[in-house]
Amino acid sequence: MVSLCHPIRIRACGDTATRRNAAAKVLCSVQQTPPPPPPAQSTIKVVIVGATKEIGRTAVLAVNKARGMELAGAIDSQCIGEDAGQISGMDEPLEIPVLNDLTMVLGSIAQSRATGVVVDFSEPSAVYDNVKQAAAFGLSSVVYVPKIELDTVTELSAFCEKASMGCLVAPTLSIGSVLLQQAAIQASFHYSNVEIVESRPNPSDLPSQDAIQIANNISDLGQIYNREDMDSSSPARGQLLGEDGVRVHSMVLPGLVSSTSINFSGPGEIYTLRHDVANVQCLMPGLILAIRKVVRLKNLIYGLEKFL
C-alpha cells in the first residue's frame, strides 16, 4: 500500500487559503498486486529396500523427519506385514507395512505422478534389477551396497544413460569419510610415506571398504610411497594395497569405535587425518543429501563427493 499526501486548499471569503494550523491530509490508497507465491516443491516419495536392516530402520526415521520427503514404501524379505515405523522404534505407526514386492509400490507412486527415489540397501546381486525396475516407473535410485562389483556399476551406468534416469552409487554415505578421502588425495602430492591404520570392533571384512577406497584414491597419482621397505614381506608391516606402496594396518578390539586414520610423514613432521564413526547415524545426512540431489540427474554418478 502506497500513501499519497496532499494539502487541502479551502476557499474562504472568496479567497483560496491553505489551512496551516490544522493541516488535513487525504490518504489515497493505491492497491499493488502482490507477487505470486513461489511454486511449491513436490514432496519426494522414498522407497527403502532393505528396510529391516539396521541402516534401513535408521533411514526410515531420517526420511520421516526430513523436510520435503516422505516414506512411501518399505521393502524387505523379513518382517513382512509389520509397520515400518514401529520396527524402526517409532511410538506411532506410519501405516506403511513392510512388503517384499517392489513393483507394486513403484506402480502406486507412478500412478500418483509424484517424484520418487528408491534407496537400495539390498545385496550386490539384486542392485541391477532394482535400479532397472525403479527406472521403468520413473524413479531415481540411491545405491549404498558396499560390496557391489565395479562391473555392475559399469552396466548400470550404461543403462541409466540410455534411460535418462538418475542414479547414485555410493561407496560411502558418510560425509566425514568423503572429506577424509579428499584431504588424503591433496596430502598425497606432498608426502612420500603413508600408512593407513584402522580399528574395528569386529574382524569382518578387513581391510575395510574405506581403507581400500582410500588406497585406490591415492594410488596411480604418480607417487610411490614407503620406498625404503616397499618390498618388505613382514606381516608386521601390514597389508600392501595396490602397487604404489600403500599399507594398511587393521586393529580389532571389542568396544572400539570404527576409526580410520591416514598417517603421512615428511622431513621432520607427521600429518595425520582421522575419522571416527560411532554408529550408523553418521550416514543419514549424506543419505538425505543424496535423495534431494539424485532426482535432478539424468545419468549415473559414482561417489557422494559429486554432491558436495
C-alpha atoms as a PDB file:
ATOM      1  CA  MET A   1       0.000   0.000   0.000  1.00  0.00           C
ATOM      2  CA  VAL A   2       1.333   3.466  -1.015  1.00  0.00           C
ATOM      3  CA  SER A   3       0.117   6.636   0.762  1.00  0.00           C
ATOM      4  CA  LEU A   4      -0.002   9.935  -1.153  1.00  0.00           C
ATOM      5  CA  CYS A   5      -0.344  13.093   0.961  1.00  0.00           C
ATOM      6  CA  HIS A   6      -1.791  16.370  -0.454  1.00  0.00           C
ATOM      7  CA  PRO A   7      -2.598  19.654   1.387  1.00  0.00           C
ATOM      8  CA  ILE A   8      -6.258  20.769   1.060  1.00  0.00           C
ATOM      9  CA  ARG A   9      -6.942  24.287  -0.100  1.00  0.00           C
ATOM     10  CA  ILE A  10     -10.063  25.834   1.484  1.00  0.00           C
ATOM     11  CA  ARG A  11     -11.950  28.666  -0.275  1.00  0.00           C
ATOM     12  CA  ALA A  12     -12.738  31.243   2.433  1.00  0.00           C
ATOM     13  CA  CYS A  13     -14.177  34.808   1.877  1.00  0.00           C
ATOM     14  CA  GLY A  14     -13.691  34.460  -1.816  1.00  0.00           C
ATOM     15  CA  ASP A  15     -10.025  33.560  -1.384  1.00  0.00           C
ATOM     16  CA  THR A  16      -8.224  30.302  -1.573  1.00  0.00           C
ATOM     17  CA  ALA A  17      -6.164  29.694   1.584  1.00  0.00           C
ATOM     18  CA  THR A  18      -4.107  26.855   2.874  1.00  0.00           C
ATOM     19  CA  ARG A  19      -5.110  25.830   6.351  1.00  0.00           C
ATOM     20  CA  ARG A  20      -1.850  25.842   8.298  1.00  0.00           C
ATOM     21  CA  ASN A  21      -2.790  25.285  11.964  1.00  0.00           C
ATOM     22  CA  ALA A  22      -4.850  22.183  11.304  1.00  0.00           C
ATOM     23  CA  ALA A  23      -3.384  20.598   8.281  1.00  0.00           C
ATOM     24  CA  ALA A  24      -5.545  17.919   6.807  1.00  0.00           C
ATOM     25  CA  LYS A  25      -4.353  15.050   4.744  1.00  0.00           C
ATOM     26  CA  VAL A  26      -6.172  12.864   2.300  1.00  0.00           C
ATOM     27  CA  LEU A  27      -4.769   9.369   2.122  1.00  0.00           C
ATOM     28  CA  CYS A  28      -5.080   7.894  -1.298  1.00  0.00           C
ATOM     29  CA  SER A  29      -4.641   4.135  -1.307  1.00  0.00           C
ATOM     30  CA  VAL A  30      -3.128   2.527  -4.344  1.00  0.00           C
ATOM     31  CA  GLN A  31      -3.551  -1.264  -4.371  1.00  0.00           C
ATOM     32  CA  GLN A  32      -0.483  -3.143  -5.588  1.00  0.00           C
ATOM     33  CA  THR A  33      -0.783  -6.685  -6.880  1.00  0.00           C
ATOM     34  CA  PRO A  34       1.244  -8.932  -4.570  1.00  0.00           C
ATOM     35  CA  PRO A  35       3.887 -11.106  -6.236  1.00  0.00           C
ATOM     36  CA  PRO A  36       2.805 -14.667  -6.919  1.00  0.00           C
ATOM     37  CA  PRO A  37       3.900 -17.203  -4.307  1.00  0.00           C
ATOM     38  CA  PRO A  38       6.885 -19.368  -5.234  1.00  0.00           C
ATOM     39  CA  PRO A  39       5.935 -22.697  -6.767  1.00  0.00           C
ATOM     40  CA  ALA A  40       5.532 -25.391  -4.143  1.00  0.00           C
ATOM     41  CA  GLN A  41       8.198 -28.071  -4.266  1.00  0.00           C
ATOM     42  CA  SER A  42       6.794 -31.535  -4.707  1.00  0.00           C
ATOM     43  CA  THR A  43       7.327 -33.996  -1.910  1.00  0.00           C
ATOM     44  CA  ILE A  44       9.814 -36.728  -2.740  1.00  0.00           C
ATOM     45  CA  LYS A  45       8.368 -40.193  -2.227  1.00  0.00           C
ATOM     46  CA  VAL A  46      11.054 -42.506  -0.846  1.00  0.00           C
ATOM     47  CA  VAL A  47      11.093 -46.307  -1.037  1.00  0.00           C
ATOM     48  CA  ILE A  48      13.653 -48.115   1.117  1.00  0.00           C
ATOM     49  CA  VAL A  49      14.840 -51.552   0.017  1.00  0.00           C
ATOM     50  CA  GLY A  50      16.394 -53.407   2.932  1.00  0.00           C
ATOM     51  CA  ALA A  51      14.153 -51.585   5.379  1.00  0.00           C
ATOM     52  CA  THR A  52      14.548 -54.026   8.274  1.00  0.00           C
ATOM     53  CA  LYS A  53      18.356 -53.836   8.377  1.00  0.00           C
ATOM     54  CA  GLU A  54      19.896 -51.506  10.944  1.00  0.00           C
ATOM     55  CA  ILE A  55      20.690 -48.937   8.287  1.00  0.00           C
ATOM     56  CA  GLY A  56      17.223 -49.358   6.776  1.00  0.00           C
ATOM     57  CA  ARG A  57      15.445 -48.749  10.084  1.00  0.00           C
ATOM     58  CA  THR A  58      17.614 -45.697  10.723  1.00  0.00           C
ATOM     59  CA  ALA A  59      16.804 -44.428   7.228  1.00  0.00           C
ATOM     60  CA  VAL A  60      13.074 -44.791   7.893  1.00  0.00           C
ATOM     61  CA  LEU A  61      13.417 -42.417  10.844  1.00  0.00           C
ATOM     62  CA  ALA A  62      15.625 -39.978   8.924  1.00  0.00           C
ATOM     63  CA  VAL A  63      13.303 -39.785   5.915  1.00  0.00           C
ATOM     64  CA  ASN A  64      10.288 -39.365   8.166  1.00  0.00           C
ATOM     65  CA  LYS A  65      11.919 -36.333   9.823  1.00  0.00           C
ATOM     66  CA  ALA A  66      13.338 -34.778   6.646  1.00  0.00           C
ATOM     67  CA  ARG A  67      11.664 -31.747   5.107  1.00  0.00           C
ATOM     68  CA  GLY A  68      10.145 -32.255   1.672  1.00  0.00           C
ATOM     69  CA  MET A  69      10.123 -36.039   1.609  1.00  0.00           C
ATOM     70  CA  GLU A  70       8.062 -38.899   2.965  1.00  0.00           C
ATOM     71  CA  LEU A  71       8.347 -42.650   3.223  1.00  0.00           C
ATOM     72  CA  ALA A  72       6.242 -44.314   0.542  1.00  0.00           C
ATOM     73  CA  GLY A  73       7.376 -47.909   0.829  1.00  0.00           C
ATOM     74  CA  ALA A  74       9.480 -50.347   2.846  1.00  0.00           C
ATOM     75  CA  ILE A  75      10.782 -53.444   1.074  1.00  0.00           C
ATOM     76  CA  ASP A  76      12.414 -56.479   2.664  1.00  0.00           C
ATOM     77  CA  SER A  77      12.105 -60.232   2.928  1.00  0.00           C
ATOM     78  CA  GLN A  78      11.925 -60.037   6.719  1.00  0.00           C
ATOM     79  CA  CYS A  79       9.097 -58.779   8.982  1.00  0.00           C
ATOM     80  CA  ILE A  80       6.550 -58.899   6.158  1.00  0.00           C
ATOM     81  CA  GLY A  81       3.367 -57.060   7.097  1.00  0.00           C
ATOM     82  CA  GLU A  82       4.822 -55.267  10.123  1.00  0.00           C
ATOM     83  CA  ASP A  83       4.657 -51.485  10.281  1.00  0.00           C
ATOM     84  CA  ALA A  84       7.856 -49.805   9.045  1.00  0.00           C
ATOM     85  CA  GLY A  85       7.622 -47.105  11.687  1.00  0.00           C
ATOM     86  CA  GLN A  86       7.155 -49.427  14.626  1.00  0.00           C
ATOM     87  CA  ILE A  87      10.003 -51.774  13.702  1.00  0.00           C
ATOM     88  CA  SER A  88      12.167 -48.645  13.470  1.00  0.00           C
ATOM     89  CA  GLY A  89      11.331 -47.648  17.036  1.00  0.00           C
ATOM     90  CA  MET A  90       8.668 -45.016  16.425  1.00  0.00           C
ATOM     91  CA  ASP A  91       5.907 -44.612  19.016  1.00  0.00           C
ATOM     92  CA  GLU A  92       3.219 -44.128  16.374  1.00  0.00           C
ATOM     93  CA  PRO A  93       2.837 -46.394  13.342  1.00  0.00           C
ATOM     94  CA  LEU A  94       3.463 -44.968   9.886  1.00  0.00           C
ATOM     95  CA  GLU A  95       0.790 -47.263   8.452  1.00  0.00           C
ATOM     96  CA  ILE A  96       3.300 -48.441   5.854  1.00  0.00           C
ATOM     97  CA  PRO A  97       3.719 -52.221   6.015  1.00  0.00           C
ATOM     98  CA  VAL A  98       6.933 -53.963   5.082  1.00  0.00           C
ATOM     99  CA  LEU A  99       6.410 -55.698   1.735  1.00  0.00           C
ATOM    100  CA  ASN A 100       8.515 -57.940  -0.463  1.00  0.00           C
ATOM    101  CA  ASP A 101       7.025 -56.662  -3.749  1.00  0.00           C
ATOM    102  CA  LEU A 102       8.920 -53.641  -5.051  1.00  0.00           C
ATOM    103  CA  THR A 103       6.921 -53.491  -8.298  1.00  0.00           C
ATOM    104  CA  MET A 104       3.611 -52.940  -6.508  1.00  0.00           C
ATOM    105  CA  VAL A 105       4.979 -49.996  -4.514  1.00  0.00           C
ATOM    106  CA  LEU A 106       6.597 -48.440  -7.585  1.00  0.00           C
ATOM    107  CA  GLY A 107       3.349 -48.734  -9.537  1.00  0.00           C
ATOM    108  CA  SER A 108       1.447 -46.876  -6.836  1.00  0.00           C
ATOM    109  CA  ILE A 109       3.951 -43.989  -6.865  1.00  0.00           C
ATOM    110  CA  ALA A 110       3.956 -43.825 -10.662  1.00  0.00           C
ATOM    111  CA  GLN A 111       0.161 -43.516 -10.751  1.00  0.00           C
ATOM    112  CA  SER A 112       0.319 -40.507  -8.428  1.00  0.00           C
ATOM    113  CA  ARG A 113       2.869 -38.843 -10.774  1.00  0.00           C
ATOM    114  CA  ALA A 114       4.986 -37.978  -7.732  1.00  0.00           C
ATOM    115  CA  THR A 115       8.754 -37.550  -7.718  1.00  0.00           C
ATOM    116  CA  GLY A 116      10.241 -40.706  -6.251  1.00  0.00           C
ATOM    117  CA  VAL A 117      13.563 -42.223  -5.174  1.00  0.00           C
ATOM    118  CA  VAL A 118      14.406 -45.837  -4.391  1.00  0.00           C
ATOM    119  CA  VAL A 119      17.075 -46.196  -1.697  1.00  0.00           C
ATOM    120  CA  ASP A 120      18.757 -49.574  -2.109  1.00  0.00           C
ATOM    121  CA  PHE A 121      20.447 -51.247   0.878  1.00  0.00           C
ATOM    122  CA  SER A 122      19.974 -54.749  -0.529  1.00  0.00           C
ATOM    123  CA  GLU A 123      22.610 -57.149  -1.848  1.00  0.00           C
ATOM    124  CA  PRO A 124      25.020 -56.822  -4.808  1.00  0.00           C
ATOM    125  CA  SER A 125      23.138 -59.431  -6.808  1.00  0.00           C
ATOM    126  CA  ALA A 126      19.846 -57.513  -6.553  1.00  0.00           C
ATOM    127  CA  VAL A 127      21.030 -53.983  -7.310  1.00  0.00           C
ATOM    128  CA  TYR A 128      20.842 -54.070 -11.119  1.00  0.00           C
ATOM    129  CA  ASP A 129      17.265 -55.353 -11.196  1.00  0.00           C
ATOM    130  CA  ASN A 130      16.158 -52.911  -8.500  1.00  0.00           C
ATOM    131  CA  VAL A 131      17.550 -49.889 -10.355  1.00  0.00           C
ATOM    132  CA  LYS A 132      16.054 -51.143 -13.617  1.00  0.00           C
ATOM    133  CA  GLN A 133      12.614 -51.541 -12.012  1.00  0.00           C
ATOM    134  CA  ALA A 134      12.814 -48.087 -10.452  1.00  0.00           C
ATOM    135  CA  ALA A 135      13.725 -46.507 -13.793  1.00  0.00           C
ATOM    136  CA  ALA A 136      10.861 -48.299 -15.544  1.00  0.00           C
ATOM    137  CA  PHE A 137       8.435 -46.473 -13.243  1.00  0.00           C
ATOM    138  CA  GLY A 138      10.254 -43.130 -13.488  1.00  0.00           C
ATOM    139  CA  LEU A 139      12.062 -43.228 -10.134  1.00  0.00           C
ATOM    140  CA  SER A 140      15.692 -42.367  -9.464  1.00  0.00           C
ATOM    141  CA  SER A 141      17.906 -44.556  -7.258  1.00  0.00           C
ATOM    142  CA  VAL A 142      20.422 -44.170  -4.445  1.00  0.00           C
ATOM    143  CA  VAL A 143      22.509 -47.328  -4.016  1.00  0.00           C
ATOM    144  CA  TYR A 144      24.549 -48.000  -0.896  1.00  0.00           C
ATOM    145  CA  VAL A 145      25.752 -51.587  -1.194  1.00  0.00           C
ATOM    146  CA  PRO A 146      29.466 -51.517  -0.273  1.00  0.00           C
ATOM    147  CA  LYS A 147      30.357 -54.862  -1.886  1.00  0.00           C
ATOM    148  CA  ILE A 148      28.888 -54.044  -5.288  1.00  0.00           C
ATOM    149  CA  GLU A 149      31.128 -55.096  -8.185  1.00  0.00           C
ATOM    150  CA  LEU A 150      32.534 -52.434 -10.491  1.00  0.00           C
ATOM    151  CA  ASP A 151      31.266 -54.437 -13.476  1.00  0.00           C
ATOM    152  CA  THR A 152      27.727 -53.965 -12.131  1.00  0.00           C
ATOM    153  CA  VAL A 153      28.339 -50.232 -11.773  1.00  0.00           C
ATOM    154  CA  THR A 154      29.512 -50.085 -15.399  1.00  0.00           C
ATOM    155  CA  GLU A 155      26.397 -51.905 -16.599  1.00  0.00           C
ATOM    156  CA  LEU A 156      24.174 -49.643 -14.521  1.00  0.00           C
ATOM    157  CA  SER A 157      25.887 -46.565 -15.910  1.00  0.00           C
ATOM    158  CA  ALA A 158      25.155 -47.632 -19.490  1.00  0.00           C
ATOM    159  CA  PHE A 159      21.549 -48.428 -18.606  1.00  0.00           C
ATOM    160  CA  CYS A 160      20.910 -45.115 -16.814  1.00  0.00           C
ATOM    161  CA  GLU A 161      22.493 -43.157 -19.662  1.00  0.00           C
ATOM    162  CA  LYS A 162      20.171 -44.822 -22.138  1.00  0.00           C
ATOM    163  CA  ALA A 163      17.103 -44.444 -19.896  1.00  0.00           C
ATOM    164  CA  SER A 164      17.990 -40.835 -18.887  1.00  0.00           C
ATOM    165  CA  MET A 165      17.403 -41.708 -15.231  1.00  0.00           C
ATOM    166  CA  GLY A 166      19.388 -40.533 -12.232  1.00  0.00           C
ATOM    167  CA  CYS A 167      21.294 -42.927 -10.010  1.00  0.00           C
ATOM    168  CA  LEU A 168      23.930 -42.502  -7.310  1.00  0.00           C
ATOM    169  CA  VAL A 169      26.142 -45.446  -6.407  1.00  0.00           C
ATOM    170  CA  ALA A 170      27.880 -44.507  -3.157  1.00  0.00           C
ATOM    171  CA  PRO A 171      30.797 -46.485  -1.669  1.00  0.00           C
ATOM    172  CA  THR A 172      30.028 -44.495   1.482  1.00  0.00           C
ATOM    173  CA  LEU A 173      27.245 -42.162   2.592  1.00  0.00           C
ATOM    174  CA  SER A 174      29.356 -40.655   5.358  1.00  0.00           C
ATOM    175  CA  ILE A 175      30.182 -37.025   4.595  1.00  0.00           C
ATOM    176  CA  GLY A 176      33.092 -37.229   7.045  1.00  0.00           C
ATOM    177  CA  SER A 177      34.548 -40.209   5.214  1.00  0.00           C
ATOM    178  CA  VAL A 178      34.300 -38.404   1.884  1.00  0.00           C
ATOM    179  CA  LEU A 179      36.061 -35.342   3.318  1.00  0.00           C
ATOM    180  CA  LEU A 180      38.770 -37.595   4.761  1.00  0.00           C
ATOM    181  CA  GLN A 181      39.387 -39.133   1.349  1.00  0.00           C
ATOM    182  CA  GLN A 182      39.508 -35.755  -0.374  1.00  0.00           C
ATOM    183  CA  ALA A 183      42.026 -34.450   2.178  1.00  0.00           C
ATOM    184  CA  ALA A 184      44.129 -37.598   1.692  1.00  0.00           C
ATOM    185  CA  ILE A 185      44.310 -37.018  -2.060  1.00  0.00           C
ATOM    186  CA  GLN A 186      45.548 -33.465  -1.522  1.00  0.00           C
ATOM    187  CA  ALA A 187      48.126 -34.574   1.037  1.00  0.00           C
ATOM    188  CA  SER A 188      49.411 -37.417  -1.122  1.00  0.00           C
ATOM    189  CA  PHE A 189      51.070 -34.955  -3.526  1.00  0.00           C
ATOM    190  CA  HIS A 190      53.261 -33.602  -0.729  1.00  0.00           C
ATOM    191  CA  TYR A 191      54.365 -36.700   1.231  1.00  0.00           C
ATOM    192  CA  SER A 192      56.244 -39.807   0.172  1.00  0.00           C
ATOM    193  CA  ASN A 193      55.377 -42.007   3.165  1.00  0.00           C
ATOM    194  CA  VAL A 194      51.861 -43.082   4.139  1.00  0.00           C
ATOM    195  CA  GLU A 195      50.262 -45.757   6.328  1.00  0.00           C
ATOM    196  CA  ILE A 196      46.540 -46.386   6.863  1.00  0.00           C
ATOM    197  CA  VAL A 197      45.565 -47.554  10.346  1.00  0.00           C
ATOM    198  CA  GLU A 198      42.014 -48.649  11.062  1.00  0.00           C
ATOM    199  CA  SER A 199      40.254 -50.009  14.124  1.00  0.00           C
ATOM    200  CA  ARG A 200      37.049 -52.012  14.177  1.00  0.00           C
ATOM    201  CA  PRO A 201      35.027 -53.718  16.921  1.00  0.00           C
ATOM    202  CA  ASN A 202      34.785 -56.986  14.941  1.00  0.00           C
ATOM    203  CA  PRO A 203      37.045 -58.738  12.413  1.00  0.00           C
ATOM    204  CA  SER A 204      34.648 -58.929   9.462  1.00  0.00           C
ATOM    205  CA  ASP A 205      35.734 -57.681   6.039  1.00  0.00           C
ATOM    206  CA  LEU A 206      39.235 -56.411   6.727  1.00  0.00           C
ATOM    207  CA  PRO A 207      40.761 -54.366   5.315  1.00  0.00           C
ATOM    208  CA  SER A 208      37.598 -52.288   5.268  1.00  0.00           C
ATOM    209  CA  GLN A 209      35.995 -50.803   2.174  1.00  0.00           C
ATOM    210  CA  ASP A 210      37.010 -47.368   3.486  1.00  0.00           C
ATOM    211  CA  ALA A 211      40.682 -48.353   3.631  1.00  0.00           C
ATOM    212  CA  ILE A 212      40.563 -49.919   0.173  1.00  0.00           C
ATOM    213  CA  GLN A 213      38.864 -46.818  -1.251  1.00  0.00           C
ATOM    214  CA  ILE A 214      41.471 -44.519   0.288  1.00  0.00           C
ATOM    215  CA  ALA A 215      44.317 -46.647  -1.064  1.00  0.00           C
ATOM    216  CA  ASN A 216      42.737 -46.612  -4.528  1.00  0.00           C
ATOM    217  CA  ASN A 217      42.278 -42.846  -4.402  1.00  0.00           C
ATOM    218  CA  ILE A 218      45.884 -42.053  -3.531  1.00  0.00           C
ATOM    219  CA  SER A 219      47.355 -44.642  -5.885  1.00  0.00           C
ATOM    220  CA  ASP A 220      48.005 -44.084  -9.594  1.00  0.00           C
ATOM    221  CA  LEU A 221      48.852 -40.425  -8.935  1.00  0.00           C
ATOM    222  CA  GLY A 222      52.471 -40.752  -9.960  1.00  0.00           C
ATOM    223  CA  GLN A 223      53.636 -41.155  -6.357  1.00  0.00           C
ATOM    224  CA  ILE A 224      55.462 -44.163  -4.919  1.00  0.00           C
ATOM    225  CA  TYR A 225      55.185 -44.443  -1.123  1.00  0.00           C
ATOM    226  CA  ASN A 226      57.418 -46.039   1.507  1.00  0.00           C
ATOM    227  CA  ARG A 227      60.265 -46.733  -0.902  1.00  0.00           C
ATOM    228  CA  GLU A 228      62.644 -47.786   1.905  1.00  0.00           C
ATOM    229  CA  ASP A 229      60.757 -51.005   2.642  1.00  0.00           C
ATOM    230  CA  MET A 230      58.232 -51.228  -0.157  1.00  0.00           C
ATOM    231  CA  ASP A 231      59.219 -54.822  -0.872  1.00  0.00           C
ATOM    232  CA  SER A 232      59.067 -55.953   2.751  1.00  0.00           C
ATOM    233  CA  SER A 233      57.103 -59.172   3.242  1.00  0.00           C
ATOM    234  CA  SER A 234      56.989 -58.974   7.047  1.00  0.00           C
ATOM    235  CA  PRO A 235      53.379 -59.436   8.287  1.00  0.00           C
ATOM    236  CA  ALA A 236      54.063 -56.784  10.911  1.00  0.00           C
ATOM    237  CA  ARG A 237      54.329 -54.186   8.132  1.00  0.00           C
ATOM    238  CA  GLY A 238      50.657 -54.579   7.278  1.00  0.00           C
ATOM    239  CA  GLN A 239      48.926 -55.474   4.049  1.00  0.00           C
ATOM    240  CA  LEU A 240      50.087 -53.844   0.837  1.00  0.00           C
ATOM    241  CA  LEU A 241      47.178 -52.356  -1.129  1.00  0.00           C
ATOM    242  CA  GLY A 242      47.883 -51.750  -4.792  1.00  0.00           C
ATOM    243  CA  GLU A 243      51.291 -51.365  -6.402  1.00  0.00           C
ATOM    244  CA  ASP A 244      52.271 -47.914  -5.121  1.00  0.00           C
ATOM    245  CA  GLY A 245      53.371 -48.906  -1.620  1.00  0.00           C
ATOM    246  CA  VAL A 246      50.247 -48.008   0.400  1.00  0.00           C
ATOM    247  CA  ARG A 247      49.951 -50.217   3.506  1.00  0.00           C
ATOM    248  CA  VAL A 248      47.039 -50.757   5.856  1.00  0.00           C
ATOM    249  CA  HIS A 249      47.078 -51.993   9.464  1.00  0.00           C
ATOM    250  CA  SER A 250      43.824 -53.271  10.962  1.00  0.00           C
ATOM    251  CA  MET A 251      43.261 -53.392  14.722  1.00  0.00           C
ATOM    252  CA  VAL A 252      40.284 -55.340  16.078  1.00  0.00           C
ATOM    253  CA  LEU A 253      39.157 -54.989  19.704  1.00  0.00           C
ATOM    254  CA  PRO A 254      35.643 -55.330  21.131  1.00  0.00           C
ATOM    255  CA  GLY A 255      34.397 -51.954  22.304  1.00  0.00           C
ATOM    256  CA  LEU A 256      36.406 -49.902  19.822  1.00  0.00           C
ATOM    257  CA  VAL A 257      34.624 -47.401  17.643  1.00  0.00           C
ATOM    258  CA  SER A 258      35.191 -47.746  13.929  1.00  0.00           C
ATOM    259  CA  SER A 259      38.068 -45.447  13.120  1.00  0.00           C
ATOM    260  CA  THR A 260      40.241 -44.771  10.091  1.00  0.00           C
ATOM    261  CA  SER A 261      43.426 -42.711  10.184  1.00  0.00           C
ATOM    262  CA  ILE A 262      45.854 -41.859   7.410  1.00  0.00           C
ATOM    263  CA  ASN A 263      49.356 -41.054   8.530  1.00  0.00           C
ATOM    264  CA  PHE A 264      51.645 -39.123   6.193  1.00  0.00           C
ATOM    265  CA  SER A 265      55.239 -38.261   7.009  1.00  0.00           C
ATOM    266  CA  GLY A 266      57.829 -35.927   5.575  1.00  0.00           C
ATOM    267  CA  PRO A 267      61.153 -34.496   6.779  1.00  0.00           C
ATOM    268  CA  GLY A 268      60.652 -33.517  10.389  1.00  0.00           C
ATOM    269  CA  GLU A 269      56.840 -33.863  10.505  1.00  0.00           C
ATOM    270  CA  ILE A 270      53.868 -36.219  10.720  1.00  0.00           C
ATOM    271  CA  TYR A 271      50.497 -35.310   9.201  1.00  0.00           C
ATOM    272  CA  THR A 272      47.538 -37.399  10.422  1.00  0.00           C
ATOM    273  CA  LEU A 273      43.956 -37.444   9.152  1.00  0.00           C
ATOM    274  CA  ARG A 274      41.377 -39.308  11.221  1.00  0.00           C
ATOM    275  CA  HIS A 275      37.681 -40.112  11.057  1.00  0.00           C
ATOM    276  CA  ASP A 276      35.742 -41.888  13.828  1.00  0.00           C
ATOM    277  CA  VAL A 277      32.302 -43.435  13.424  1.00  0.00           C
ATOM    278  CA  ALA A 278      30.114 -44.036  16.465  1.00  0.00           C
ATOM    279  CA  ASN A 279      27.058 -45.556  14.768  1.00  0.00           C
ATOM    280  CA  VAL A 280      25.030 -45.734  11.564  1.00  0.00           C
ATOM    281  CA  GLN A 281      23.560 -42.292  12.209  1.00  0.00           C
ATOM    282  CA  CYS A 282      26.655 -40.856  10.526  1.00  0.00           C
ATOM    283  CA  LEU A 283      25.286 -41.986   7.153  1.00  0.00           C
ATOM    284  CA  MET A 284      21.951 -40.175   7.367  1.00  0.00           C
ATOM    285  CA  PRO A 285      22.978 -36.589   6.435  1.00  0.00           C
ATOM    286  CA  GLY A 286      24.662 -37.964   3.326  1.00  0.00           C
ATOM    287  CA  LEU A 287      21.626 -40.090   2.502  1.00  0.00           C
ATOM    288  CA  ILE A 288      19.193 -37.166   2.769  1.00  0.00           C
ATOM    289  CA  LEU A 289      21.527 -35.040   0.626  1.00  0.00           C
ATOM    290  CA  ALA A 290      21.718 -37.809  -1.984  1.00  0.00           C
ATOM    291  CA  ILE A 291      17.922 -38.183  -2.146  1.00  0.00           C
ATOM    292  CA  ARG A 292      17.489 -34.454  -2.743  1.00  0.00           C
ATOM    293  CA  LYS A 293      20.172 -34.309  -5.448  1.00  0.00           C
ATOM    294  CA  VAL A 294      19.636 -37.527  -7.393  1.00  0.00           C
ATOM    295  CA  VAL A 295      16.193 -36.502  -8.680  1.00  0.00           C
ATOM    296  CA  ARG A 296      17.925 -33.847 -10.817  1.00  0.00           C
ATOM    297  CA  LEU A 297      20.224 -36.317 -12.566  1.00  0.00           C
ATOM    298  CA  LYS A 298      19.775 -37.986 -15.940  1.00  0.00           C
ATOM    299  CA  ASN A 299      22.637 -40.436 -15.575  1.00  0.00           C
ATOM    300  CA  LEU A 300      24.646 -42.430 -13.017  1.00  0.00           C
ATOM    301  CA  ILE A 301      27.324 -40.899 -10.841  1.00  0.00           C
ATOM    302  CA  TYR A 302      29.716 -42.800  -8.585  1.00  0.00           C
ATOM    303  CA  GLY A 303      30.567 -41.313  -5.193  1.00  0.00           C
ATOM    304  CA  LEU A 304      28.802 -38.953  -2.799  1.00  0.00           C
ATOM    305  CA  GLU A 305      31.597 -36.408  -3.277  1.00  0.00           C
ATOM    306  CA  LYS A 306      29.979 -35.343  -6.566  1.00  0.00           C
ATOM    307  CA  PHE A 307      27.164 -33.794  -4.488  1.00  0.00           C
ATOM    308  CA  LEU A 308      29.383 -31.951  -2.012  1.00  0.00           C
END
